[in-house]
Amino acid sequence: LPKSLYLQFHRAANVYFLSIAAISTIPFVQAKWQPKVFLVIFILLAQSCKDLYEDLKRRRDDQAENTRIVGRFNARKSSFEETQWCEIDAG
């Protein structure tokens, strides 16, 4: 979660919303702070959920690709043998 927050504050819009929420909490500013703070929290949670969904989808797709069966040439036997992508080394 901290890495996610760190990456989210690289977006200018999130920094803007956070600064507006921080300014609204200052006592001499006659503004309601609750809606602004809850908006920032909602935006951060929504983006975190979206990032989590994308990461899980990427992991599932990577797992499916790495377990796919392919043919690898065995020089000793002079034939192809079936193996998974994750077992193939470059070179």
N, C-alpha and C. Protein backbone atom coordinates (compact mmCIF):
# COMPACT_ATOMS: atom_id res chain seq x y z
N LEU A 1 0.81 -1.22 0.00
CA LEU A 1 0.00 0.00 0.00
C LEU A 1 0.85 1.27 0.00
N PRO A 2 1.92 1.39 0.80
CA PRO A 2 2.71 2.62 0.74
C PRO A 2 3.32 2.87 -0.64
N LYS A 3 3.75 1.81 -1.34
CA LYS A 3 4.29 2.00 -2.68
C LYS A 3 3.21 2.48 -3.62
N SER A 4 2.00 1.96 -3.45
CA SER A 4 0.87 2.41 -4.26
C SER A 4 0.58 3.88 -4.02
N LEU A 5 0.59 4.30 -2.76
CA LEU A 5 0.37 5.73 -2.47
C LEU A 5 1.48 6.58 -3.04
N TYR A 6 2.71 6.10 -2.93
CA TYR A 6 3.85 6.84 -3.48
C TYR A 6 3.68 7.05 -4.99
N LEU A 7 3.27 6.00 -5.68
CA LEU A 7 3.09 6.10 -7.13
C LEU A 7 1.89 6.98 -7.49
N GLN A 8 0.84 6.95 -6.66
CA GLN A 8 -0.34 7.76 -6.95
C GLN A 8 -0.05 9.24 -6.80
N PHE A 9 0.85 9.61 -5.91
CA PHE A 9 1.15 11.03 -5.74
C PHE A 9 2.15 11.55 -6.76
N HIS A 10 2.53 10.71 -7.72
CA HIS A 10 3.26 11.20 -8.87
C HIS A 10 2.31 11.82 -9.90
N ARG A 11 1.03 11.59 -9.72
CA ARG A 11 0.01 12.18 -10.59
C ARG A 11 -0.33 13.58 -10.07
N ALA A 12 -0.29 14.54 -10.95
CA ALA A 12 -0.51 15.94 -10.55
C ALA A 12 -1.91 16.15 -9.97
N ALA A 13 -2.89 15.47 -10.49
CA ALA A 13 -4.26 15.65 -10.00
C ALA A 13 -4.38 15.23 -8.54
N ASN A 14 -3.71 14.15 -8.15
CA ASN A 14 -3.79 13.71 -6.76
C ASN A 14 -3.12 14.70 -5.82
N VAL A 15 -2.01 15.26 -6.23
CA VAL A 15 -1.33 16.27 -5.41
C VAL A 15 -2.22 17.50 -5.27
N TYR A 16 -2.90 17.88 -6.35
CA TYR A 16 -3.82 19.02 -6.31
C TYR A 16 -4.96 18.77 -5.32
N PHE A 17 -5.60 17.61 -5.42
CA PHE A 17 -6.72 17.30 -4.51
C PHE A 17 -6.25 17.24 -3.06
N LEU A 18 -5.06 16.69 -2.84
CA LEU A 18 -4.53 16.63 -1.47
C LEU A 18 -4.26 18.03 -0.93
N SER A 19 -3.72 18.90 -1.77
CA SER A 19 -3.44 20.27 -1.30
C SER A 19 -4.73 21.03 -1.01
N ILE A 20 -5.75 20.85 -1.81
CA ILE A 20 -7.04 21.49 -1.56
C ILE A 20 -7.64 20.97 -0.26
N ALA A 21 -7.55 19.67 -0.03
CA ALA A 21 -8.07 19.10 1.22
C ALA A 21 -7.28 19.60 2.42
N ALA A 22 -5.96 19.72 2.28
CA ALA A 22 -5.15 20.22 3.39
C ALA A 22 -5.46 21.68 3.70
N ILE A 23 -5.64 22.48 2.67
CA ILE A 23 -5.97 23.90 2.87
C ILE A 23 -7.33 24.04 3.54
N SER A 24 -8.27 23.19 3.18
CA SER A 24 -9.62 23.30 3.75
C SER A 24 -9.67 22.92 5.23
N THR A 25 -8.64 22.23 5.72
CA THR A 25 -8.63 21.87 7.14
C THR A 25 -8.06 22.97 8.03
N ILE A 26 -7.49 24.01 7.44
CA ILE A 26 -6.95 25.13 8.22
C ILE A 26 -8.13 25.91 8.82
N PRO A 27 -8.07 26.22 10.12
CA PRO A 27 -9.23 26.82 10.80
C PRO A 27 -9.69 28.17 10.23
N PHE A 28 -8.78 29.03 9.78
CA PHE A 28 -9.23 30.34 9.31
C PHE A 28 -9.84 30.31 7.91
N VAL A 29 -9.74 29.18 7.22
CA VAL A 29 -10.42 29.01 5.93
C VAL A 29 -11.83 28.53 6.25
N GLN A 30 -12.82 29.33 5.88
CA GLN A 30 -14.21 29.01 6.21
C GLN A 30 -14.80 28.05 5.17
N ALA A 31 -14.29 26.82 5.18
CA ALA A 31 -14.79 25.82 4.24
C ALA A 31 -14.97 24.49 4.99
N LYS A 32 -15.93 23.73 4.54
CA LYS A 32 -16.13 22.41 5.14
C LYS A 32 -15.03 21.48 4.63
N TRP A 33 -14.32 20.88 5.54
CA TRP A 33 -13.20 20.03 5.14
C TRP A 33 -13.61 18.60 4.87
N GLN A 34 -14.70 18.13 5.46
CA GLN A 34 -15.08 16.72 5.34
C GLN A 34 -15.30 16.28 3.88
N PRO A 35 -16.06 17.02 3.07
CA PRO A 35 -16.26 16.55 1.70
C PRO A 35 -14.96 16.47 0.90
N LYS A 36 -14.06 17.41 1.14
CA LYS A 36 -12.82 17.42 0.38
C LYS A 36 -11.89 16.29 0.80
N VAL A 37 -11.80 16.04 2.09
CA VAL A 37 -10.95 14.96 2.57
C VAL A 37 -11.50 13.61 2.14
N PHE A 38 -12.82 13.43 2.25
CA PHE A 38 -13.42 12.15 1.83
C PHE A 38 -13.28 11.94 0.33
N LEU A 39 -13.30 13.03 -0.45
CA LEU A 39 -13.10 12.91 -1.89
C LEU A 39 -11.69 12.41 -2.19
N VAL A 40 -10.70 12.94 -1.52
CA VAL A 40 -9.32 12.49 -1.72
C VAL A 40 -9.19 11.03 -1.34
N ILE A 41 -9.76 10.65 -0.21
CA ILE A 41 -9.70 9.26 0.23
C ILE A 41 -10.38 8.34 -0.78
N PHE A 42 -11.54 8.77 -1.27
CA PHE A 42 -12.26 7.97 -2.27
C PHE A 42 -11.44 7.82 -3.54
N ILE A 43 -10.84 8.90 -4.02
CA ILE A 43 -10.04 8.85 -5.25
C ILE A 43 -8.85 7.90 -5.08
N LEU A 44 -8.17 8.01 -3.94
CA LEU A 44 -7.02 7.14 -3.70
C LEU A 44 -7.42 5.67 -3.59
N LEU A 45 -8.54 5.40 -2.91
CA LEU A 45 -9.02 4.02 -2.81
C LEU A 45 -9.45 3.46 -4.16
N ALA A 46 -10.12 4.28 -4.96
CA ALA A 46 -10.56 3.83 -6.28
C ALA A 46 -9.36 3.51 -7.17
N GLN A 47 -8.35 4.37 -7.14
CA GLN A 47 -7.17 4.11 -7.95
C GLN A 47 -6.40 2.89 -7.45
N SER A 48 -6.36 2.70 -6.14
CA SER A 48 -5.69 1.52 -5.58
C SER A 48 -6.41 0.24 -5.99
N CYS A 49 -7.73 0.27 -5.96
CA CYS A 49 -8.51 -0.90 -6.39
C CYS A 49 -8.29 -1.20 -7.87
N LYS A 50 -8.24 -0.16 -8.68
CA LYS A 50 -7.99 -0.34 -10.11
C LYS A 50 -6.61 -0.94 -10.35
N ASP A 51 -5.60 -0.43 -9.64
CA ASP A 51 -4.24 -0.95 -9.77
C ASP A 51 -4.16 -2.40 -9.31
N LEU A 52 -4.86 -2.73 -8.22
CA LEU A 52 -4.89 -4.11 -7.74
C LEU A 52 -5.51 -5.03 -8.77
N TYR A 53 -6.63 -4.61 -9.36
CA TYR A 53 -7.29 -5.42 -10.39
C TYR A 53 -6.36 -5.65 -11.57
N GLU A 54 -5.67 -4.60 -12.03
CA GLU A 54 -4.76 -4.74 -13.16
C GLU A 54 -3.58 -5.64 -12.83
N ASP A 55 -3.05 -5.54 -11.61
CA ASP A 55 -1.94 -6.39 -11.20
C ASP A 55 -2.36 -7.86 -11.13
N LEU A 56 -3.54 -8.13 -10.60
CA LEU A 56 -4.03 -9.51 -10.53
C LEU A 56 -4.28 -10.07 -11.92
N LYS A 57 -4.81 -9.25 -12.81
CA LYS A 57 -5.05 -9.69 -14.19
C LYS A 57 -3.71 -9.97 -14.89
N ARG A 58 -2.73 -9.10 -14.69
CA ARG A 58 -1.41 -9.30 -15.29
C ARG A 58 -0.76 -10.58 -14.75
N ARG A 59 -0.91 -10.83 -13.45
CA ARG A 59 -0.35 -12.04 -12.86
C ARG A 59 -1.00 -13.29 -13.43
N ARG A 60 -2.34 -13.25 -13.58
CA ARG A 60 -3.05 -14.40 -14.15
C ARG A 60 -2.60 -14.65 -15.59
N ASP A 61 -2.47 -13.58 -16.38
CA ASP A 61 -2.05 -13.73 -17.77
C ASP A 61 -0.61 -14.24 -17.87
N ASP A 62 0.27 -13.74 -17.00
CA ASP A 62 1.65 -14.22 -16.99
C ASP A 62 1.72 -15.69 -16.62
N GLN A 63 0.93 -16.10 -15.64
CA GLN A 63 0.92 -17.51 -15.23
C GLN A 63 0.43 -18.40 -16.38
N ALA A 64 -0.60 -17.95 -17.09
CA ALA A 64 -1.11 -18.73 -18.21
C ALA A 64 -0.06 -18.84 -19.31
N GLU A 65 0.65 -17.77 -19.58
CA GLU A 65 1.67 -17.78 -20.63
C GLU A 65 2.87 -18.64 -20.22
N ASN A 66 3.28 -18.57 -18.97
CA ASN A 66 4.45 -19.33 -18.52
C ASN A 66 4.20 -20.83 -18.45
N THR A 67 2.96 -21.24 -18.30
CA THR A 67 2.66 -22.68 -18.23
C THR A 67 2.25 -23.26 -19.58
N ARG A 68 2.29 -22.44 -20.61
CA ARG A 68 1.94 -22.91 -21.95
C ARG A 68 2.98 -23.91 -22.44
N ILE A 69 2.52 -24.94 -23.12
CA ILE A 69 3.40 -25.99 -23.63
C ILE A 69 3.95 -25.58 -24.99
N VAL A 70 5.28 -25.71 -25.13
CA VAL A 70 5.96 -25.39 -26.39
C VAL A 70 6.94 -26.51 -26.71
N GLY A 71 7.42 -26.49 -27.93
CA GLY A 71 8.42 -27.48 -28.35
C GLY A 71 9.82 -26.90 -28.24
N ARG A 72 10.72 -27.64 -27.57
CA ARG A 72 12.12 -27.21 -27.42
C ARG A 72 13.00 -28.26 -28.09
N PHE A 73 13.95 -27.76 -28.87
CA PHE A 73 14.83 -28.68 -29.58
C PHE A 73 15.90 -29.22 -28.64
N ASN A 74 16.02 -30.54 -28.58
CA ASN A 74 17.04 -31.19 -27.79
C ASN A 74 18.14 -31.64 -28.76
N ALA A 75 19.31 -31.02 -28.64
CA ALA A 75 20.39 -31.32 -29.58
C ALA A 75 20.94 -32.73 -29.41
N ARG A 76 20.91 -33.24 -28.19
CA ARG A 76 21.43 -34.60 -27.95
C ARG A 76 20.58 -35.66 -28.64
N LYS A 77 19.26 -35.47 -28.60
CA LYS A 77 18.35 -36.44 -29.21
C LYS A 77 17.98 -36.07 -30.64
N SER A 78 18.34 -34.86 -31.06
CA SER A 78 18.00 -34.34 -32.40
C SER A 78 16.50 -34.38 -32.65
N SER A 79 15.75 -33.98 -31.61
CA SER A 79 14.30 -33.93 -31.75
C SER A 79 13.72 -32.86 -30.83
N PHE A 80 12.46 -32.57 -31.06
CA PHE A 80 11.77 -31.59 -30.22
C PHE A 80 11.10 -32.31 -29.05
N GLU A 81 11.11 -31.68 -27.90
CA GLU A 81 10.43 -32.22 -26.73
C GLU A 81 9.50 -31.14 -26.18
N GLU A 82 8.40 -31.57 -25.62
CA GLU A 82 7.42 -30.61 -25.07
C GLU A 82 7.88 -30.15 -23.69
N THR A 83 7.76 -28.85 -23.46
CA THR A 83 8.12 -28.26 -22.19
C THR A 83 7.33 -26.98 -21.98
N GLN A 84 7.38 -26.46 -20.78
CA GLN A 84 6.66 -25.21 -20.50
C GLN A 84 7.58 -24.02 -20.77
N TRP A 85 6.95 -22.87 -21.06
CA TRP A 85 7.72 -21.65 -21.33
C TRP A 85 8.63 -21.28 -20.17
N CYS A 86 8.18 -21.49 -18.93
CA CYS A 86 8.97 -21.09 -17.77
C CYS A 86 10.25 -21.91 -17.63
N GLU A 87 10.35 -23.03 -18.32
CA GLU A 87 11.54 -23.87 -18.23
C GLU A 87 12.55 -23.59 -19.34
N ILE A 88 12.25 -22.65 -20.20
CA ILE A 88 13.13 -22.35 -21.34
C ILE A 88 14.07 -21.21 -20.94
N ASP A 89 15.36 -21.43 -21.19
CA ASP A 89 16.36 -20.41 -20.94
C ASP A 89 16.77 -19.76 -22.26
N ALA A 90 17.07 -18.49 -22.20
CA ALA A 90 17.51 -17.79 -23.41
C ALA A 90 18.91 -18.23 -23.79
N GLY A 91 19.13 -18.32 -25.08
CA GLY A 91 20.49 -18.61 -25.52
C GLY A 91 20.64 -19.89 -26.15
